[in-house]
Amino acid sequence: MIELDLQSRTPIYEQIMNEIKRNILQGSLKPKDQIPSIRELAQTLGVNPNTVKKSYTALENQNIIQSFSTRGTFITAKIDHILKQTVDDCYSTIEREVNQLKKLGIPEEEIIERISR
């Protein structure tokens, strides 16, 4: 379900968030599905529970998951905004990288050609 890259510069908590979002977008996690508890996921991934808690708190702030003290943590019913947010984030990354290439003097035509491949 969740794969971490311990060599990545991306913090572990962000990787956990991104993996949960990816699972939602791919349909592995659906609205109202229960996800593992903080302790359970931390143990499975071999990370500190505070790292998982940080991920869950951020996902909860984004209305992607909802925690109930007695029942567990669930994917929220309305997750359409996840796809839009993910697409917007991807475009922002592309725009930043294209601007960086332009600053390096790479012609726009070459950038477009390489992206098209």
N, C-alpha and C. Protein backbone atom coordinates (compact mmCIF):
# COMPACT_ATOMS: atom_id res chain seq x y z
N MET A 1 0.82 -1.19 0.00
CA MET A 1 0.00 0.00 0.00
C MET A 1 0.87 1.26 0.00
N ILE A 2 1.79 1.35 0.95
CA ILE A 2 2.64 2.54 1.05
C ILE A 2 4.09 2.13 0.88
N GLU A 3 4.76 2.76 -0.08
CA GLU A 3 6.17 2.50 -0.32
C GLU A 3 6.95 3.76 0.00
N LEU A 4 7.98 3.62 0.82
CA LEU A 4 8.82 4.75 1.19
C LEU A 4 10.18 4.62 0.51
N ASP A 5 10.75 5.76 0.14
CA ASP A 5 12.09 5.81 -0.42
C ASP A 5 12.97 6.50 0.61
N LEU A 6 13.71 5.71 1.36
CA LEU A 6 14.52 6.25 2.44
C LEU A 6 15.71 7.06 1.92
N GLN A 7 16.01 6.95 0.62
CA GLN A 7 17.10 7.73 0.01
C GLN A 7 16.61 9.07 -0.52
N SER A 8 15.30 9.26 -0.57
CA SER A 8 14.71 10.48 -1.12
C SER A 8 14.93 11.67 -0.19
N ARG A 9 14.98 12.84 -0.80
CA ARG A 9 15.07 14.07 -0.01
C ARG A 9 13.71 14.50 0.51
N THR A 10 12.66 13.89 -0.01
CA THR A 10 11.31 14.19 0.45
C THR A 10 11.13 13.61 1.85
N PRO A 11 10.69 14.44 2.80
CA PRO A 11 10.51 13.92 4.17
C PRO A 11 9.55 12.74 4.20
N ILE A 12 9.78 11.84 5.14
CA ILE A 12 8.98 10.62 5.27
C ILE A 12 7.50 10.95 5.43
N TYR A 13 7.18 11.96 6.25
CA TYR A 13 5.76 12.26 6.46
C TYR A 13 5.09 12.69 5.16
N GLU A 14 5.83 13.41 4.29
CA GLU A 14 5.27 13.81 2.99
C GLU A 14 5.11 12.60 2.08
N GLN A 15 6.06 11.68 2.15
CA GLN A 15 5.95 10.47 1.34
C GLN A 15 4.72 9.67 1.74
N ILE A 16 4.46 9.59 3.04
CA ILE A 16 3.27 8.88 3.51
C ILE A 16 2.01 9.56 2.98
N MET A 17 1.97 10.88 3.09
CA MET A 17 0.81 11.64 2.58
C MET A 17 0.63 11.38 1.08
N ASN A 18 1.72 11.49 0.32
CA ASN A 18 1.64 11.31 -1.12
C ASN A 18 1.21 9.90 -1.50
N GLU A 19 1.66 8.92 -0.74
CA GLU A 19 1.28 7.54 -1.02
C GLU A 19 -0.21 7.30 -0.73
N ILE A 20 -0.72 7.88 0.32
CA ILE A 20 -2.15 7.75 0.62
C ILE A 20 -2.96 8.42 -0.48
N LYS A 21 -2.54 9.61 -0.91
CA LYS A 21 -3.23 10.30 -2.00
C LYS A 21 -3.16 9.47 -3.28
N ARG A 22 -1.99 8.90 -3.57
CA ARG A 22 -1.83 8.07 -4.77
C ARG A 22 -2.78 6.88 -4.73
N ASN A 23 -2.88 6.25 -3.57
CA ASN A 23 -3.80 5.11 -3.42
C ASN A 23 -5.25 5.52 -3.64
N ILE A 24 -5.59 6.72 -3.22
CA ILE A 24 -6.95 7.22 -3.45
C ILE A 24 -7.18 7.44 -4.94
N LEU A 25 -6.22 8.10 -5.59
CA LEU A 25 -6.36 8.40 -7.02
C LEU A 25 -6.41 7.13 -7.86
N GLN A 26 -5.69 6.10 -7.43
CA GLN A 26 -5.68 4.84 -8.18
C GLN A 26 -6.86 3.94 -7.84
N GLY A 27 -7.63 4.35 -6.84
CA GLY A 27 -8.81 3.58 -6.48
C GLY A 27 -8.56 2.48 -5.46
N SER A 28 -7.33 2.35 -4.97
CA SER A 28 -7.05 1.35 -3.93
C SER A 28 -7.72 1.72 -2.62
N LEU A 29 -7.82 3.02 -2.38
CA LEU A 29 -8.56 3.52 -1.21
C LEU A 29 -9.76 4.31 -1.73
N LYS A 30 -10.90 4.00 -1.19
CA LYS A 30 -12.15 4.65 -1.62
C LYS A 30 -12.75 5.44 -0.46
N PRO A 31 -13.66 6.36 -0.79
CA PRO A 31 -14.33 7.10 0.28
C PRO A 31 -14.91 6.15 1.32
N LYS A 32 -14.76 6.51 2.56
CA LYS A 32 -15.26 5.78 3.73
C LYS A 32 -14.44 4.54 4.07
N ASP A 33 -13.35 4.27 3.33
CA ASP A 33 -12.46 3.16 3.70
C ASP A 33 -11.69 3.53 4.96
N GLN A 34 -11.48 2.55 5.81
CA GLN A 34 -10.69 2.77 7.01
C GLN A 34 -9.21 2.56 6.67
N ILE A 35 -8.36 3.42 7.22
CA ILE A 35 -6.92 3.26 7.04
C ILE A 35 -6.31 2.84 8.38
N PRO A 36 -5.09 2.30 8.35
CA PRO A 36 -4.49 1.81 9.59
C PRO A 36 -4.35 2.92 10.64
N SER A 37 -4.34 2.49 11.89
CA SER A 37 -4.12 3.43 12.98
C SER A 37 -2.69 3.97 12.88
N ILE A 38 -2.42 5.05 13.59
CA ILE A 38 -1.09 5.64 13.57
C ILE A 38 -0.04 4.62 14.01
N ARG A 39 -0.30 3.96 15.12
CA ARG A 39 0.67 2.98 15.64
C ARG A 39 0.86 1.81 14.68
N GLU A 40 -0.24 1.34 14.13
CA GLU A 40 -0.18 0.20 13.21
C GLU A 40 0.64 0.55 11.96
N LEU A 41 0.38 1.71 11.36
CA LEU A 41 1.11 2.10 10.16
C LEU A 41 2.57 2.36 10.48
N ALA A 42 2.84 3.00 11.61
CA ALA A 42 4.22 3.27 12.01
C ALA A 42 4.99 1.96 12.15
N GLN A 43 4.37 0.98 12.77
CA GLN A 43 5.02 -0.32 12.95
C GLN A 43 5.25 -1.01 11.61
N THR A 44 4.26 -0.97 10.75
CA THR A 44 4.37 -1.59 9.42
C THR A 44 5.50 -0.97 8.61
N LEU A 45 5.59 0.38 8.65
CA LEU A 45 6.59 1.09 7.85
C LEU A 45 7.95 1.18 8.55
N GLY A 46 7.97 0.90 9.84
CA GLY A 46 9.21 1.00 10.59
C GLY A 46 9.64 2.43 10.83
N VAL A 47 8.65 3.31 11.06
CA VAL A 47 8.93 4.72 11.32
C VAL A 47 8.36 5.11 12.68
N ASN A 48 8.74 6.28 13.13
CA ASN A 48 8.26 6.80 14.40
C ASN A 48 6.77 7.13 14.29
N PRO A 49 5.97 6.78 15.29
CA PRO A 49 4.54 7.12 15.25
C PRO A 49 4.28 8.63 15.08
N ASN A 50 5.18 9.47 15.59
CA ASN A 50 5.00 10.92 15.42
C ASN A 50 5.06 11.32 13.95
N THR A 51 5.83 10.59 13.15
CA THR A 51 5.92 10.86 11.71
C THR A 51 4.58 10.57 11.05
N VAL A 52 3.99 9.43 11.38
CA VAL A 52 2.68 9.07 10.82
C VAL A 52 1.63 10.05 11.31
N LYS A 53 1.70 10.43 12.58
CA LYS A 53 0.74 11.39 13.13
C LYS A 53 0.81 12.71 12.37
N LYS A 54 2.02 13.15 12.05
CA LYS A 54 2.18 14.40 11.29
C LYS A 54 1.52 14.28 9.92
N SER A 55 1.67 13.13 9.27
CA SER A 55 1.04 12.88 7.97
C SER A 55 -0.48 12.91 8.10
N TYR A 56 -0.99 12.20 9.08
CA TYR A 56 -2.43 12.12 9.28
C TYR A 56 -3.02 13.49 9.61
N THR A 57 -2.31 14.26 10.43
CA THR A 57 -2.80 15.60 10.78
C THR A 57 -2.88 16.47 9.53
N ALA A 58 -1.86 16.42 8.69
CA ALA A 58 -1.87 17.21 7.46
C ALA A 58 -2.98 16.75 6.52
N LEU A 59 -3.17 15.44 6.39
CA LEU A 59 -4.25 14.93 5.54
C LEU A 59 -5.62 15.30 6.09
N GLU A 60 -5.73 15.33 7.40
CA GLU A 60 -6.99 15.73 8.02
C GLU A 60 -7.26 17.21 7.76
N ASN A 61 -6.21 18.02 7.83
CA ASN A 61 -6.35 19.46 7.56
C ASN A 61 -6.75 19.72 6.11
N GLN A 62 -6.39 18.79 5.21
CA GLN A 62 -6.75 18.91 3.80
C GLN A 62 -8.09 18.24 3.49
N ASN A 63 -8.77 17.77 4.53
CA ASN A 63 -10.07 17.09 4.40
C ASN A 63 -10.00 15.83 3.54
N ILE A 64 -8.88 15.13 3.64
CA ILE A 64 -8.72 13.89 2.90
C ILE A 64 -9.07 12.70 3.79
N ILE A 65 -8.73 12.81 5.06
CA ILE A 65 -9.10 11.77 6.02
C ILE A 65 -9.82 12.41 7.19
N GLN A 66 -10.51 11.57 7.95
CA GLN A 66 -11.22 12.04 9.13
C GLN A 66 -11.04 10.99 10.22
N SER A 67 -10.65 11.46 11.39
CA SER A 67 -10.41 10.56 12.52
C SER A 67 -11.55 10.63 13.52
N PHE A 68 -11.93 9.47 14.02
CA PHE A 68 -12.92 9.37 15.08
C PHE A 68 -12.26 8.61 16.22
N SER A 69 -12.24 9.20 17.40
CA SER A 69 -11.47 8.64 18.51
C SER A 69 -11.82 7.19 18.84
N THR A 70 -13.06 6.80 18.66
CA THR A 70 -13.45 5.45 19.04
C THR A 70 -13.51 4.47 17.86
N ARG A 71 -13.62 4.98 16.65
CA ARG A 71 -13.81 4.10 15.49
C ARG A 71 -12.60 3.96 14.59
N GLY A 72 -11.72 4.96 14.54
CA GLY A 72 -10.55 4.90 13.67
C GLY A 72 -10.48 6.07 12.71
N THR A 73 -9.68 5.90 11.68
CA THR A 73 -9.44 6.95 10.68
C THR A 73 -9.93 6.46 9.33
N PHE A 74 -10.65 7.33 8.63
CA PHE A 74 -11.31 6.96 7.37
C PHE A 74 -11.04 7.99 6.29
N ILE A 75 -11.09 7.53 5.03
CA ILE A 75 -11.04 8.42 3.89
C ILE A 75 -12.37 9.18 3.86
N THR A 76 -12.31 10.48 3.65
CA THR A 76 -13.54 11.27 3.66
C THR A 76 -14.40 10.93 2.43
N ALA A 77 -15.67 11.25 2.55
CA ALA A 77 -16.62 10.92 1.48
C ALA A 77 -16.38 11.76 0.22
N LYS A 78 -15.93 13.00 0.40
CA LYS A 78 -15.73 13.89 -0.75
C LYS A 78 -14.24 14.04 -1.00
N ILE A 79 -13.74 13.35 -2.02
CA ILE A 79 -12.31 13.40 -2.31
C ILE A 79 -12.01 13.94 -3.71
N ASP A 80 -13.01 14.52 -4.37
CA ASP A 80 -12.80 15.06 -5.72
C ASP A 80 -11.70 16.11 -5.74
N HIS A 81 -11.59 16.87 -4.65
CA HIS A 81 -10.60 17.93 -4.60
C HIS A 81 -9.17 17.40 -4.62
N ILE A 82 -8.97 16.13 -4.28
CA ILE A 82 -7.63 15.54 -4.27
C ILE A 82 -7.07 15.51 -5.69
N LEU A 83 -7.88 15.07 -6.64
CA LEU A 83 -7.43 15.00 -8.03
C LEU A 83 -7.07 16.40 -8.53
N LYS A 84 -7.94 17.36 -8.29
CA LYS A 84 -7.67 18.72 -8.74
C LYS A 84 -6.41 19.26 -8.10
N GLN A 85 -6.25 19.06 -6.82
CA GLN A 85 -5.07 19.55 -6.11
C GLN A 85 -3.80 18.88 -6.64
N THR A 86 -3.86 17.58 -6.90
CA THR A 86 -2.71 16.85 -7.41
C THR A 86 -2.31 17.36 -8.78
N VAL A 87 -3.29 17.56 -9.65
CA VAL A 87 -3.02 18.08 -10.99
C VAL A 87 -2.43 19.48 -10.90
N ASP A 88 -3.02 20.33 -10.06
CA ASP A 88 -2.50 21.69 -9.88
C ASP A 88 -1.06 21.68 -9.37
N ASP A 89 -0.77 20.78 -8.42
CA ASP A 89 0.60 20.67 -7.89
C ASP A 89 1.57 20.24 -8.98
N CYS A 90 1.16 19.31 -9.82
CA CYS A 90 2.02 18.85 -10.92
C CYS A 90 2.32 19.99 -11.90
N TYR A 91 1.28 20.74 -12.26
CA TYR A 91 1.48 21.87 -13.16
C TYR A 91 2.39 22.93 -12.54
N SER A 92 2.25 23.16 -11.26
CA SER A 92 3.12 24.14 -10.58
C SER A 92 4.58 23.69 -10.64
N THR A 93 4.79 22.40 -10.44
CA THR A 93 6.15 21.85 -10.51
C THR A 93 6.72 22.02 -11.92
N ILE A 94 5.91 21.70 -12.91
CA ILE A 94 6.35 21.84 -14.30
C ILE A 94 6.70 23.30 -14.60
N GLU A 95 5.84 24.22 -14.17
CA GLU A 95 6.09 25.64 -14.42
C GLU A 95 7.39 26.10 -13.77
N ARG A 96 7.64 25.66 -12.53
CA ARG A 96 8.89 26.03 -11.84
C ARG A 96 10.10 25.51 -12.61
N GLU A 97 10.01 24.26 -13.03
CA GLU A 97 11.14 23.64 -13.74
C GLU A 97 11.36 24.29 -15.10
N VAL A 98 10.29 24.59 -15.82
CA VAL A 98 10.42 25.26 -17.12
C VAL A 98 11.06 26.63 -16.94
N ASN A 99 10.63 27.37 -15.92
CA ASN A 99 11.23 28.68 -15.66
C ASN A 99 12.72 28.55 -15.34
N GLN A 100 13.08 27.51 -14.60
CA GLN A 100 14.49 27.26 -14.27
C GLN A 100 15.28 26.98 -15.55
N LEU A 101 14.71 26.17 -16.45
CA LEU A 101 15.39 25.87 -17.72
C LEU A 101 15.57 27.13 -18.56
N LYS A 102 14.55 27.99 -18.57
CA LYS A 102 14.64 29.25 -19.32
C LYS A 102 15.75 30.14 -18.75
N LYS A 103 15.86 30.17 -17.42
CA LYS A 103 16.92 30.95 -16.78
C LYS A 103 18.31 30.43 -17.15
N LEU A 104 18.38 29.14 -17.44
CA LEU A 104 19.65 28.53 -17.85
C LEU A 104 19.94 28.76 -19.33
N GLY A 105 18.99 29.41 -20.02
CA GLY A 105 19.20 29.74 -21.43
C GLY A 105 18.72 28.70 -22.41
N ILE A 106 17.95 27.73 -21.95
CA ILE A 106 17.42 26.70 -22.85
C ILE A 106 16.25 27.31 -23.63
N PRO A 107 16.29 27.22 -24.97
CA PRO A 107 15.20 27.79 -25.77
C PRO A 107 13.85 27.11 -25.48
N GLU A 108 12.79 27.89 -25.49
CA GLU A 108 11.46 27.38 -25.18
C GLU A 108 11.06 26.24 -26.11
N GLU A 109 11.44 26.34 -27.39
CA GLU A 109 11.11 25.29 -28.36
C GLU A 109 11.72 23.95 -27.95
N GLU A 110 12.96 23.99 -27.47
CA GLU A 110 13.63 22.76 -27.04
C GLU A 110 12.94 22.17 -25.81
N ILE A 111 12.53 23.04 -24.89
CA ILE A 111 11.83 22.59 -23.68
C ILE A 111 10.53 21.90 -24.07
N ILE A 112 9.76 22.54 -24.94
CA ILE A 112 8.48 21.98 -25.39
C ILE A 112 8.68 20.64 -26.08
N GLU A 113 9.70 20.57 -26.93
CA GLU A 113 9.98 19.33 -27.67
C GLU A 113 10.32 18.19 -26.70
N ARG A 114 11.15 18.47 -25.71
CA ARG A 114 11.56 17.42 -24.77
C ARG A 114 10.41 17.00 -23.88
N ILE A 115 9.55 17.94 -23.50
CA ILE A 115 8.39 17.59 -22.67
C ILE A 115 7.42 16.75 -23.49
N SER A 116 7.28 17.06 -24.76
CA SER A 116 6.35 16.33 -25.63
C SER A 116 6.72 14.87 -25.78
N ARG A 117 8.00 14.56 -25.67
CA ARG A 117 8.43 13.16 -25.81
C ARG A 117 7.93 12.40 -24.63
